[in-house]
């Protein structure tokens, strides 16, 4: 308890000197309890140099820009541009500001910090940003810098589908399939988030609807995958889940030893999905449905396995 009291005292003494715009984020009157609720007090007490780690995090917080201003993440720790790349320090800074539950890129963006606008982004084939000329079947990565203001080319026929997937293997297989049967084949129109989509990426995908595209979204059948689909559907209400029903999960023939931890609201688009997943208690992955997904992409419309 004495060690925890030292952390509380350090927080009280340090937050009082933070700039006002940072204090409004940190909320010193509830900061200790918030960190304890997130498990950070225990993590600090188990750290090799807890006072130094907390001091560093508070110094980074003190350099956060005022509302309306921005700063490159690599400039927040003078002399060490990679200090916030990974590890306990960036996670603690986000916990101090109450943003630890968001994805890192989105959290830093909300704080006025440019996480990295050149790396990452969306991998696309068959659907182009307006004004870009990309050969049919070619694959490009659109970095966050371009996604921030992206507008999309109109579909050749209004209402054509774009398929959004989590895993690069789906896009790669669709591109290979098109290369093998290019003559007369439907151009694959696929966007890959390569993992958890940021808010910026979700918003860029949502703009497809503004250009007249229909959007089908999917991910793995696990906790993260369901969260990905929820985020995409929240950003693009016009989008539809693509082979993400209970029947599709069963079609993937899930088996394994991993244990799923899900809540029933995790898949509001199909109330049967989470109970079915919990019954089998294992994840299923996009690759398990690859033939069906490639068939949909080749025909240009999303399908479903029907009622379980």
C-alpha atoms as a PDB file:
ATOM      1  CA  UNK A   1       0.000   0.000   0.000  1.00  0.00           C
ATOM      2  CA  UNK A   2       2.866   2.340   0.754  1.00  0.00           C
ATOM      3  CA  UNK A   3       4.230   1.876  -2.775  1.00  0.00           C
ATOM      4  CA  UNK A   4       0.813   2.671  -4.256  1.00  0.00           C
ATOM      5  CA  UNK A   5       0.642   5.804  -2.105  1.00  0.00           C
ATOM      6  CA  UNK A   6       3.939   6.935  -3.644  1.00  0.00           C
ATOM      7  CA  UNK A   7       2.412   6.602  -7.105  1.00  0.00           C
ATOM      8  CA  UNK A   8      -0.634   8.589  -5.993  1.00  0.00           C
ATOM      9  CA  UNK A   9       1.587  11.327  -4.550  1.00  0.00           C
ATOM     10  CA  UNK A  10       3.702  11.472  -7.712  1.00  0.00           C
ATOM     11  CA  UNK A  11       0.545  11.819  -9.789  1.00  0.00           C
ATOM     12  CA  UNK A  12      -0.858  14.562  -7.564  1.00  0.00           C
ATOM     13  CA  UNK A  13       2.388  16.531  -7.595  1.00  0.00           C
ATOM     14  CA  UNK A  14       2.987  16.202 -11.328  1.00  0.00           C
ATOM     15  CA  UNK A  15      -0.465  16.684 -12.824  1.00  0.00           C
ATOM     16  CA  UNK A  16      -0.862  20.038 -11.096  1.00  0.00           C
ATOM     17  CA  UNK A  17       1.894  21.466 -13.295  1.00  0.00           C
ATOM     18  CA  UNK A  18       0.538  20.086 -16.594  1.00  0.00           C
ATOM     19  CA  UNK A  19      -0.793  22.574 -19.164  1.00  0.00           C
ATOM     20  CA  UNK A  20      -4.506  23.240 -18.734  1.00  0.00           C
ATOM     21  CA  UNK A  21      -5.491  21.514 -21.985  1.00  0.00           C
ATOM     22  CA  UNK A  22      -3.694  18.361 -20.810  1.00  0.00           C
ATOM     23  CA  UNK A  23      -5.132  18.536 -17.288  1.00  0.00           C
ATOM     24  CA  UNK A  24      -8.598  18.512 -18.824  1.00  0.00           C
ATOM     25  CA  UNK A  25      -7.717  15.209 -20.493  1.00  0.00           C
ATOM     26  CA  UNK A  26      -5.933  13.664 -17.537  1.00  0.00           C
ATOM     27  CA  UNK A  27      -8.556  14.585 -14.946  1.00  0.00           C
ATOM     28  CA  UNK A  28      -6.280  14.546 -11.863  1.00  0.00           C
ATOM     29  CA  UNK A  29      -9.153  14.030  -9.426  1.00  0.00           C
ATOM     30  CA  UNK A  30      -9.866  10.571 -10.883  1.00  0.00           C
ATOM     31  CA  UNK A  31      -6.519   9.701 -12.431  1.00  0.00           C
ATOM     32  CA  UNK A  32      -5.238   7.299  -9.778  1.00  0.00           C
ATOM     33  CA  UNK A  33      -8.516   5.359  -9.720  1.00  0.00           C
ATOM     34  CA  UNK A  34      -8.636   5.208 -13.523  1.00  0.00           C
ATOM     35  CA  UNK A  35      -5.108   3.845 -13.710  1.00  0.00           C
ATOM     36  CA  UNK A  36      -5.865   1.333 -10.995  1.00  0.00           C
ATOM     37  CA  UNK A  37      -9.001   0.209 -12.817  1.00  0.00           C
ATOM     38  CA  UNK A  38      -6.945  -0.342 -15.963  1.00  0.00           C
ATOM     39  CA  UNK A  39      -4.354  -2.374 -14.065  1.00  0.00           C
ATOM     40  CA  UNK A  40      -1.677   0.271 -14.454  1.00  0.00           C
ATOM     41  CA  UNK A  41      -0.910   0.753 -10.761  1.00  0.00           C
ATOM     42  CA  UNK A  42       0.043  -2.912 -10.506  1.00  0.00           C
ATOM     43  CA  UNK A  43       2.045  -2.684 -13.741  1.00  0.00           C
ATOM     44  CA  UNK A  44       3.896   0.368 -12.436  1.00  0.00           C
ATOM     45  CA  UNK A  45       4.715  -1.279  -9.123  1.00  0.00           C
ATOM     46  CA  UNK A  46       6.108  -4.286 -10.990  1.00  0.00           C
ATOM     47  CA  UNK A  47       8.176  -2.126 -13.356  1.00  0.00           C
ATOM     48  CA  UNK A  48      11.933  -1.926 -12.884  1.00  0.00           C
ATOM     49  CA  UNK A  49      11.871   1.861 -12.405  1.00  0.00           C
ATOM     50  CA  UNK A  50       8.223   2.794 -11.733  1.00  0.00           C
ATOM     51  CA  UNK A  51       8.881   6.438 -10.831  1.00  0.00           C
ATOM     52  CA  UNK A  52      10.968   6.972 -13.967  1.00  0.00           C
ATOM     53  CA  UNK A  53       8.359   5.353 -16.215  1.00  0.00           C
ATOM     54  CA  UNK A  54       5.536   7.430 -14.769  1.00  0.00           C
ATOM     55  CA  UNK A  55       7.663  10.581 -14.935  1.00  0.00           C
ATOM     56  CA  UNK A  56       8.447   9.941 -18.613  1.00  0.00           C
ATOM     57  CA  UNK A  57       4.789   9.388 -19.420  1.00  0.00           C
ATOM     58  CA  UNK A  58       3.773  12.601 -17.686  1.00  0.00           C
ATOM     59  CA  UNK A  59       6.491  14.518 -19.551  1.00  0.00           C
ATOM     60  CA  UNK A  60       5.149  13.187 -22.855  1.00  0.00           C
ATOM     61  CA  UNK A  61       1.617  14.171 -21.819  1.00  0.00           C
ATOM     62  CA  UNK A  62       2.856  17.679 -21.021  1.00  0.00           C
ATOM     63  CA  UNK A  63       4.061  18.055 -24.625  1.00  0.00           C
ATOM     64  CA  UNK A  64       0.717  17.150 -26.196  1.00  0.00           C
ATOM     65  CA  UNK A  65      -0.423  19.930 -28.554  1.00  0.00           C
ATOM     66  CA  UNK A  66      -3.200  22.362 -27.804  1.00  0.00           C
ATOM     67  CA  UNK A  67      -6.558  21.838 -29.553  1.00  0.00           C
ATOM     68  CA  UNK A  68      -6.276  22.706 -33.240  1.00  0.00           C
ATOM     69  CA  UNK A  69      -2.528  22.050 -33.327  1.00  0.00           C
ATOM     70  CA  UNK A  70      -0.672  18.863 -34.258  1.00  0.00           C
ATOM     71  CA  UNK A  71       2.727  17.297 -33.658  1.00  0.00           C
ATOM     72  CA  UNK A  72       4.621  14.324 -35.061  1.00  0.00           C
ATOM     73  CA  UNK A  73       4.679  11.462 -32.552  1.00  0.00           C
ATOM     74  CA  UNK A  74       8.437  11.094 -33.050  1.00  0.00           C
ATOM     75  CA  UNK A  75       9.030  14.592 -31.652  1.00  0.00           C
ATOM     76  CA  UNK A  76       7.297  14.025 -28.311  1.00  0.00           C
ATOM     77  CA  UNK A  77      10.411  12.530 -26.687  1.00  0.00           C
ATOM     78  CA  UNK A  78      13.382  14.795 -27.537  1.00  0.00           C
ATOM     79  CA  UNK A  79      16.424  12.835 -28.621  1.00  0.00           C
ATOM     80  CA  UNK A  80      14.549   9.528 -28.955  1.00  0.00           C
ATOM     81  CA  UNK A  81      12.209   9.474 -31.981  1.00  0.00           C
ATOM     82  CA  UNK A  82      11.350   5.786 -31.437  1.00  0.00           C
ATOM     83  CA  UNK A  83      10.459   6.015 -27.743  1.00  0.00           C
ATOM     84  CA  UNK A  84       6.736   5.800 -28.487  1.00  0.00           C
ATOM     85  CA  UNK A  85       6.896   3.089 -31.130  1.00  0.00           C
ATOM     86  CA  UNK A  86       5.886   0.317 -28.738  1.00  0.00           C
ATOM     87  CA  UNK A  87       6.089  -0.877 -25.142  1.00  0.00           C
ATOM     88  CA  UNK A  88       4.880   0.413 -21.791  1.00  0.00           C
ATOM     89  CA  UNK A  89       5.578   4.127 -22.293  1.00  0.00           C
ATOM     90  CA  UNK A  90       3.125   4.860 -25.157  1.00  0.00           C
ATOM     91  CA  UNK A  91       0.505   2.623 -23.548  1.00  0.00           C
ATOM     92  CA  UNK A  92       0.816   4.495 -20.259  1.00  0.00           C
ATOM     93  CA  UNK A  93       0.559   7.892 -21.970  1.00  0.00           C
ATOM     94  CA  UNK A  94      -2.702   6.822 -23.602  1.00  0.00           C
ATOM     95  CA  UNK A  95      -3.955   5.451 -20.268  1.00  0.00           C
ATOM     96  CA  UNK A  96      -3.178   8.791 -18.601  1.00  0.00           C
ATOM     97  CA  UNK A  97      -5.296  10.588 -21.187  1.00  0.00           C
ATOM     98  CA  UNK A  98      -8.159   8.089 -20.946  1.00  0.00           C
ATOM     99  CA  UNK A  99      -7.755   6.716 -24.460  1.00  0.00           C
ATOM    100  CA  UNK A 100      -6.301   3.310 -23.736  1.00  0.00           C
ATOM    101  CA  UNK A 101      -9.363   1.473 -25.050  1.00  0.00           C
ATOM    102  CA  UNK A 102      -9.014   2.851 -28.602  1.00  0.00           C
ATOM    103  CA  UNK A 103      -6.687   1.669 -31.343  1.00  0.00           C
ATOM    104  CA  UNK A 104      -3.290   3.425 -31.006  1.00  0.00           C
ATOM    105  CA  UNK A 105      -3.456   5.315 -34.312  1.00  0.00           C
ATOM    106  CA  UNK A 106      -6.943   6.640 -33.580  1.00  0.00           C
ATOM    107  CA  UNK A 107      -6.015   7.514 -29.992  1.00  0.00           C
ATOM    108  CA  UNK A 108      -2.952   9.536 -30.970  1.00  0.00           C
ATOM    109  CA  UNK A 109      -4.944  11.263 -33.718  1.00  0.00           C
ATOM    110  CA  UNK A 110      -7.539  12.392 -31.164  1.00  0.00           C
ATOM    111  CA  UNK A 111      -4.697  13.871 -29.105  1.00  0.00           C
ATOM    112  CA  UNK A 112      -3.425  15.882 -32.087  1.00  0.00           C
ATOM    113  CA  UNK A 113      -0.480  13.551 -32.622  1.00  0.00           C
ATOM    114  CA  UNK A 114       0.377  12.272 -36.089  1.00  0.00           C
ATOM    115  CA  UNK A 115       1.098   8.607 -35.504  1.00  0.00           C
ATOM    116  CA  UNK A 116       2.515   7.975 -38.971  1.00  0.00           C
ATOM    117  CA  UNK A 117       0.809   9.031 -42.160  1.00  0.00           C
ATOM    118  CA  UNK A 118       3.055   7.159 -44.593  1.00  0.00           C
ATOM    119  CA  UNK A 119       3.068   3.581 -43.289  1.00  0.00           C
ATOM    120  CA  UNK A 120       0.024   1.367 -43.089  1.00  0.00           C
ATOM    121  CA  UNK A 121      -3.259   2.262 -44.744  1.00  0.00           C
ATOM    122  CA  UNK A 122      -5.449   0.180 -47.038  1.00  0.00           C
ATOM    123  CA  UNK A 123      -4.417  -2.375 -49.658  1.00  0.00           C
ATOM    124  CA  UNK A 124      -6.717  -2.137 -52.677  1.00  0.00           C
ATOM    125  CA  UNK A 125      -7.299  -3.749 -56.028  1.00  0.00           C
ATOM    126  CA  UNK A 126      -9.947  -2.907 -58.603  1.00  0.00           C
ATOM    127  CA  UNK A 127     -11.212   0.322 -57.026  1.00  0.00           C
ATOM    128  CA  UNK A 128      -9.190   3.506 -57.456  1.00  0.00           C
ATOM    129  CA  UNK A 129      -8.933   6.885 -55.776  1.00  0.00           C
ATOM    130  CA  UNK A 130     -10.299   9.577 -58.068  1.00  0.00           C
ATOM    131  CA  UNK A 131      -7.700  10.675 -60.595  1.00  0.00           C
ATOM    132  CA  UNK A 132      -5.444   7.643 -60.081  1.00  0.00           C
ATOM    133  CA  UNK A 133      -4.744   5.400 -63.053  1.00  0.00           C
ATOM    134  CA  UNK A 134      -3.997   1.854 -61.921  1.00  0.00           C
ATOM    135  CA  UNK A 135      -4.002  -1.116 -64.332  1.00  0.00           C
ATOM    136  CA  UNK A 136      -6.836  -3.602 -63.830  1.00  0.00           C
ATOM    137  CA  UNK A 137      -5.867  -6.353 -61.406  1.00  0.00           C
ATOM    138  CA  UNK A 138      -2.960  -4.380 -59.935  1.00  0.00           C
ATOM    139  CA  UNK A 139      -2.649  -3.972 -56.177  1.00  0.00           C
ATOM    140  CA  UNK A 140      -1.560  -0.789 -54.390  1.00  0.00           C
ATOM    141  CA  UNK A 141      -1.324   0.396 -50.802  1.00  0.00           C
ATOM    142  CA  UNK A 142      -2.936   3.753 -50.057  1.00  0.00           C
ATOM    143  CA  UNK A 143      -1.189   5.333 -47.039  1.00  0.00           C
ATOM    144  CA  UNK A 144      -3.014   7.231 -44.273  1.00  0.00           C
ATOM    145  CA  UNK A 145      -1.875  10.582 -45.722  1.00  0.00           C
ATOM    146  CA  UNK A 146      -3.922   9.942 -48.865  1.00  0.00           C
ATOM    147  CA  UNK A 147      -6.835   8.308 -47.050  1.00  0.00           C
ATOM    148  CA  UNK A 148      -7.445  11.454 -45.015  1.00  0.00           C
ATOM    149  CA  UNK A 149      -8.900  13.276 -48.029  1.00  0.00           C
ATOM    150  CA  UNK A 150      -9.644  10.421 -50.405  1.00  0.00           C
ATOM    151  CA  UNK A 151     -12.499  10.412 -52.903  1.00  0.00           C
ATOM    152  CA  UNK A 152     -13.160   7.340 -55.031  1.00  0.00           C
ATOM    153  CA  UNK A 153     -13.758   6.840 -58.728  1.00  0.00           C
ATOM    154  CA  UNK A 154     -17.375   6.074 -59.607  1.00  0.00           C
ATOM    155  CA  UNK A 155     -18.217   2.425 -60.294  1.00  0.00           C
ATOM    156  CA  UNK A 156     -18.551   1.490 -63.976  1.00  0.00           C
ATOM    157  CA  UNK A 157     -22.119   0.473 -63.164  1.00  0.00           C
ATOM    158  CA  UNK A 158     -23.902   2.129 -60.196  1.00  0.00           C
ATOM    159  CA  UNK A 159     -24.268  -0.209 -57.264  1.00  0.00           C
ATOM    160  CA  UNK A 160     -21.310  -2.489 -57.969  1.00  0.00           C
ATOM    161  CA  UNK A 161     -19.834  -4.180 -54.906  1.00  0.00           C
ATOM    162  CA  UNK A 162     -16.518  -3.603 -53.143  1.00  0.00           C
ATOM    163  CA  UNK A 163     -15.416  -6.399 -50.808  1.00  0.00           C
ATOM    164  CA  UNK A 164     -13.619  -5.383 -47.587  1.00  0.00           C
ATOM    165  CA  UNK A 165     -11.522  -8.053 -45.897  1.00  0.00           C
ATOM    166  CA  UNK A 166      -9.220  -8.229 -42.883  1.00  0.00           C
ATOM    167  CA  UNK A 167      -6.542 -10.557 -44.212  1.00  0.00           C
ATOM    168  CA  UNK A 168      -4.154  -9.898 -47.130  1.00  0.00           C
ATOM    169  CA  UNK A 169      -4.383 -13.558 -48.136  1.00  0.00           C
ATOM    170  CA  UNK A 170      -7.930 -12.998 -49.429  1.00  0.00           C
ATOM    171  CA  UNK A 171      -6.939 -10.059 -51.621  1.00  0.00           C
ATOM    172  CA  UNK A 172      -3.815 -11.868 -52.837  1.00  0.00           C
ATOM    173  CA  UNK A 173      -5.826 -14.953 -53.821  1.00  0.00           C
ATOM    174  CA  UNK A 174      -8.396 -12.800 -55.654  1.00  0.00           C
ATOM    175  CA  UNK A 175      -5.627 -11.026 -57.594  1.00  0.00           C
ATOM    176  CA  UNK A 176      -4.022 -14.377 -58.514  1.00  0.00           C
ATOM    177  CA  UNK A 177      -7.375 -15.748 -59.636  1.00  0.00           C
ATOM    178  CA  UNK A 178      -7.959 -12.739 -61.872  1.00  0.00           C
ATOM    179  CA  UNK A 179      -4.470 -13.010 -63.370  1.00  0.00           C
ATOM    180  CA  UNK A 180      -5.144 -16.636 -64.319  1.00  0.00           C
ATOM    181  CA  UNK A 181      -8.554 -15.984 -65.904  1.00  0.00           C
ATOM    182  CA  UNK A 182      -8.300 -12.346 -66.921  1.00  0.00           C
ATOM    183  CA  UNK A 183     -10.143 -12.639 -70.231  1.00  0.00           C
ATOM    184  CA  UNK A 184     -13.849 -12.278 -69.491  1.00  0.00           C
ATOM    185  CA  UNK A 185     -13.344 -12.334 -65.727  1.00  0.00           C
ATOM    186  CA  UNK A 186     -14.964  -9.819 -63.394  1.00  0.00           C
ATOM    187  CA  UNK A 187     -12.364  -7.353 -62.101  1.00  0.00           C
ATOM    188  CA  UNK A 188     -11.812  -8.120 -58.409  1.00  0.00           C
ATOM    189  CA  UNK A 189     -12.738  -5.139 -56.262  1.00  0.00           C
ATOM    190  CA  UNK A 190     -11.210  -5.805 -52.878  1.00  0.00           C
ATOM    191  CA  UNK A 191      -9.956  -3.640 -50.023  1.00  0.00           C
ATOM    192  CA  UNK A 192      -7.841  -5.151 -47.247  1.00  0.00           C
ATOM    193  CA  UNK A 193      -7.437  -3.484 -43.849  1.00  0.00           C
ATOM    194  CA  UNK A 194      -4.544  -5.821 -42.916  1.00  0.00           C
ATOM    195  CA  UNK A 195      -5.784  -6.158 -39.343  1.00  0.00           C
ATOM    196  CA  UNK A 196      -7.594  -3.698 -37.130  1.00  0.00           C
ATOM    197  CA  UNK A 197      -8.935  -0.790 -39.208  1.00  0.00           C
ATOM    198  CA  UNK A 198      -8.273   2.671 -37.823  1.00  0.00           C
ATOM    199  CA  UNK A 199     -11.028   5.267 -37.685  1.00  0.00           C
ATOM    200  CA  UNK A 200      -9.363   6.993 -40.635  1.00  0.00           C
ATOM    201  CA  UNK A 201      -9.486   3.769 -42.656  1.00  0.00           C
ATOM    202  CA  UNK A 202     -13.109   3.127 -41.691  1.00  0.00           C
ATOM    203  CA  UNK A 203     -14.056   6.631 -42.816  1.00  0.00           C
ATOM    204  CA  UNK A 204     -12.199   6.195 -46.110  1.00  0.00           C
ATOM    205  CA  UNK A 205     -14.079   2.949 -46.755  1.00  0.00           C
ATOM    206  CA  UNK A 206     -17.371   4.674 -45.892  1.00  0.00           C
ATOM    207  CA  UNK A 207     -16.731   7.226 -48.654  1.00  0.00           C
ATOM    208  CA  UNK A 208     -17.130   4.456 -51.220  1.00  0.00           C
ATOM    209  CA  UNK A 209     -20.879   4.732 -50.677  1.00  0.00           C
ATOM    210  CA  UNK A 210     -20.720   8.434 -51.565  1.00  0.00           C
ATOM    211  CA  UNK A 211     -19.291   7.451 -54.946  1.00  0.00           C
ATOM    212  CA  UNK A 212     -22.074   4.932 -55.600  1.00  0.00           C
ATOM    213  CA  UNK A 213     -20.405   1.675 -54.551  1.00  0.00           C
ATOM    214  CA  UNK A 214     -22.052  -0.961 -52.387  1.00  0.00           C
ATOM    215  CA  UNK A 215     -19.824  -2.230 -49.593  1.00  0.00           C
ATOM    216  CA  UNK A 216     -19.542  -5.763 -48.181  1.00  0.00           C
ATOM    217  CA  UNK A 217     -17.381  -6.161 -45.054  1.00  0.00           C
ATOM    218  CA  UNK A 218     -16.009  -9.132 -43.173  1.00  0.00           C
ATOM    219  CA  UNK A 219     -13.179 -10.350 -40.910  1.00  0.00           C
ATOM    220  CA  UNK A 220     -12.178 -13.412 -38.910  1.00  0.00           C
ATOM    221  CA  UNK A 221     -14.675 -15.107 -36.624  1.00  0.00           C
ATOM    222  CA  UNK A 222     -13.034 -14.094 -33.345  1.00  0.00           C
ATOM    223  CA  UNK A 223     -13.351 -11.251 -30.852  1.00  0.00           C
ATOM    224  CA  UNK A 224     -11.105  -8.896 -32.829  1.00  0.00           C
ATOM    225  CA  UNK A 225     -12.786  -9.763 -36.120  1.00  0.00           C
ATOM    226  CA  UNK A 226     -16.271  -9.038 -34.791  1.00  0.00           C
ATOM    227  CA  UNK A 227     -14.972  -5.699 -33.468  1.00  0.00           C
ATOM    228  CA  UNK A 228     -13.561  -4.903 -36.920  1.00  0.00           C
ATOM    229  CA  UNK A 229     -16.917  -5.522 -38.572  1.00  0.00           C
ATOM    230  CA  UNK A 230     -18.768  -3.478 -35.950  1.00  0.00           C
ATOM    231  CA  UNK A 231     -16.397  -0.549 -36.520  1.00  0.00           C
ATOM    232  CA  UNK A 232     -16.835  -0.707 -40.291  1.00  0.00           C
ATOM    233  CA  UNK A 233     -20.618  -0.941 -40.075  1.00  0.00           C
ATOM    234  CA  UNK A 234     -20.692   1.988 -37.646  1.00  0.00           C
ATOM    235  CA  UNK A 235     -18.654   4.139 -40.046  1.00  0.00           C
ATOM    236  CA  UNK A 236     -20.519   2.928 -43.143  1.00  0.00           C
ATOM    237  CA  UNK A 237     -24.142   2.201 -42.209  1.00  0.00           C
ATOM    238  CA  UNK A 238     -24.871   1.366 -45.868  1.00  0.00           C
ATOM    239  CA  UNK A 239     -22.405  -1.561 -45.748  1.00  0.00           C
ATOM    240  CA  UNK A 240     -23.521  -5.140 -45.192  1.00  0.00           C
ATOM    241  CA  UNK A 241     -21.801  -8.041 -43.419  1.00  0.00           C
ATOM    242  CA  UNK A 242     -20.285 -10.439 -45.937  1.00  0.00           C
ATOM    243  CA  UNK A 243     -20.530 -14.121 -45.027  1.00  0.00           C
ATOM    244  CA  UNK A 244     -20.471 -13.214 -41.332  1.00  0.00           C
ATOM    245  CA  UNK A 245     -23.557 -15.156 -40.179  1.00  0.00           C
ATOM    246  CA  UNK A 246     -23.844 -18.166 -37.877  1.00  0.00           C
ATOM    247  CA  UNK A 247     -24.311 -20.357 -40.948  1.00  0.00           C
ATOM    248  CA  UNK A 248     -21.105 -18.981 -42.471  1.00  0.00           C
ATOM    249  CA  UNK A 249     -19.233 -19.650 -39.237  1.00  0.00           C
ATOM    250  CA  UNK A 250     -20.407 -23.283 -39.298  1.00  0.00           C
ATOM    251  CA  UNK A 251     -19.522 -23.514 -42.988  1.00  0.00           C
ATOM    252  CA  UNK A 252     -15.945 -22.657 -42.035  1.00  0.00           C
ATOM    253  CA  UNK A 253     -15.870 -25.903 -39.994  1.00  0.00           C
ATOM    254  CA  UNK A 254     -14.317 -24.311 -36.897  1.00  0.00           C
ATOM    255  CA  UNK A 255     -12.075 -26.525 -34.823  1.00  0.00           C
ATOM    256  CA  UNK A 256      -9.100 -26.016 -32.538  1.00  0.00           C
ATOM    257  CA  UNK A 257      -8.114 -25.378 -28.934  1.00  0.00           C
ATOM    258  CA  UNK A 258      -8.437 -21.587 -28.641  1.00  0.00           C
ATOM    259  CA  UNK A 259     -11.132 -20.344 -26.253  1.00  0.00           C
ATOM    260  CA  UNK A 260     -13.414 -17.540 -27.401  1.00  0.00           C
ATOM    261  CA  UNK A 261     -14.446 -14.759 -25.031  1.00  0.00           C
ATOM    262  CA  UNK A 262     -17.440 -13.022 -26.520  1.00  0.00           C
ATOM    263  CA  UNK A 263     -20.524 -11.108 -25.463  1.00  0.00           C
ATOM    264  CA  UNK A 264     -23.872 -11.435 -27.207  1.00  0.00           C
ATOM    265  CA  UNK A 265     -23.887  -7.810 -28.460  1.00  0.00           C
ATOM    266  CA  UNK A 266     -20.607  -8.507 -30.295  1.00  0.00           C
ATOM    267  CA  UNK A 267     -22.487  -9.345 -33.551  1.00  0.00           C
ATOM    268  CA  UNK A 268     -25.723  -7.328 -33.693  1.00  0.00           C
ATOM    269  CA  UNK A 269     -26.200  -8.164 -37.406  1.00  0.00           C
ATOM    270  CA  UNK A 270     -26.944 -11.837 -36.537  1.00  0.00           C
ATOM    271  CA  UNK A 271     -28.174 -12.676 -33.007  1.00  0.00           C
ATOM    272  CA  UNK A 272     -27.415 -16.363 -33.651  1.00  0.00           C
ATOM    273  CA  UNK A 273     -23.730 -15.842 -34.425  1.00  0.00           C
ATOM    274  CA  UNK A 274     -22.256 -15.319 -30.960  1.00  0.00           C
ATOM    275  CA  UNK A 275     -24.234 -18.169 -29.305  1.00  0.00           C
ATOM    276  CA  UNK A 276     -23.121 -20.464 -32.133  1.00  0.00           C
ATOM    277  CA  UNK A 277     -19.495 -19.393 -31.742  1.00  0.00           C
ATOM    278  CA  UNK A 278     -19.667 -19.838 -27.972  1.00  0.00           C
ATOM    279  CA  UNK A 279     -21.139 -23.311 -28.406  1.00  0.00           C
ATOM    280  CA  UNK A 280     -18.126 -24.355 -30.489  1.00  0.00           C
ATOM    281  CA  UNK A 281     -15.796 -22.087 -28.485  1.00  0.00           C
ATOM    282  CA  UNK A 282     -13.162 -21.761 -31.222  1.00  0.00           C
ATOM    283  CA  UNK A 283     -12.376 -19.074 -33.798  1.00  0.00           C
ATOM    284  CA  UNK A 284     -12.680 -19.507 -37.547  1.00  0.00           C
ATOM    285  CA  UNK A 285     -10.631 -17.581 -40.046  1.00  0.00           C
ATOM    286  CA  UNK A 286     -11.222 -16.020 -43.429  1.00  0.00           C
ATOM    287  CA  UNK A 287      -8.917 -18.553 -45.067  1.00  0.00           C
ATOM    288  CA  UNK A 288     -11.349 -21.295 -43.951  1.00  0.00           C
ATOM    289  CA  UNK A 289     -13.944 -19.762 -46.306  1.00  0.00           C
ATOM    290  CA  UNK A 290     -11.546 -18.804 -49.083  1.00  0.00           C
ATOM    291  CA  UNK A 291     -13.246 -20.751 -51.923  1.00  0.00           C
ATOM    292  CA  UNK A 292     -16.608 -19.157 -51.096  1.00  0.00           C
ATOM    293  CA  UNK A 293     -15.084 -15.677 -50.765  1.00  0.00           C
ATOM    294  CA  UNK A 294     -13.273 -15.989 -54.087  1.00  0.00           C
ATOM    295  CA  UNK A 295     -16.506 -17.149 -55.701  1.00  0.00           C
ATOM    296  CA  UNK A 296     -18.307 -14.041 -54.466  1.00  0.00           C
ATOM    297  CA  UNK A 297     -15.519 -11.749 -55.646  1.00  0.00           C
ATOM    298  CA  UNK A 298     -15.472 -13.447 -59.048  1.00  0.00           C
ATOM    299  CA  UNK A 299     -19.230 -13.050 -59.521  1.00  0.00           C
ATOM    300  CA  UNK A 300     -19.224  -9.538 -58.089  1.00  0.00           C
ATOM    301  CA  UNK A 301     -21.828 -10.014 -55.322  1.00  0.00           C
ATOM    302  CA  UNK A 302     -21.656 -11.210 -51.702  1.00  0.00           C
ATOM    303  CA  UNK A 303     -23.195 -14.561 -50.814  1.00  0.00           C
ATOM    304  CA  UNK A 304     -24.150 -16.430 -47.652  1.00  0.00           C
ATOM    305  CA  UNK A 305     -24.337 -20.012 -46.481  1.00  0.00           C
ATOM    306  CA  UNK A 306     -27.976 -19.538 -45.475  1.00  0.00           C
ATOM    307  CA  UNK A 307     -29.721 -20.611 -42.268  1.00  0.00           C
ATOM    308  CA  UNK A 308     -27.714 -22.804 -39.855  1.00  0.00           C
END
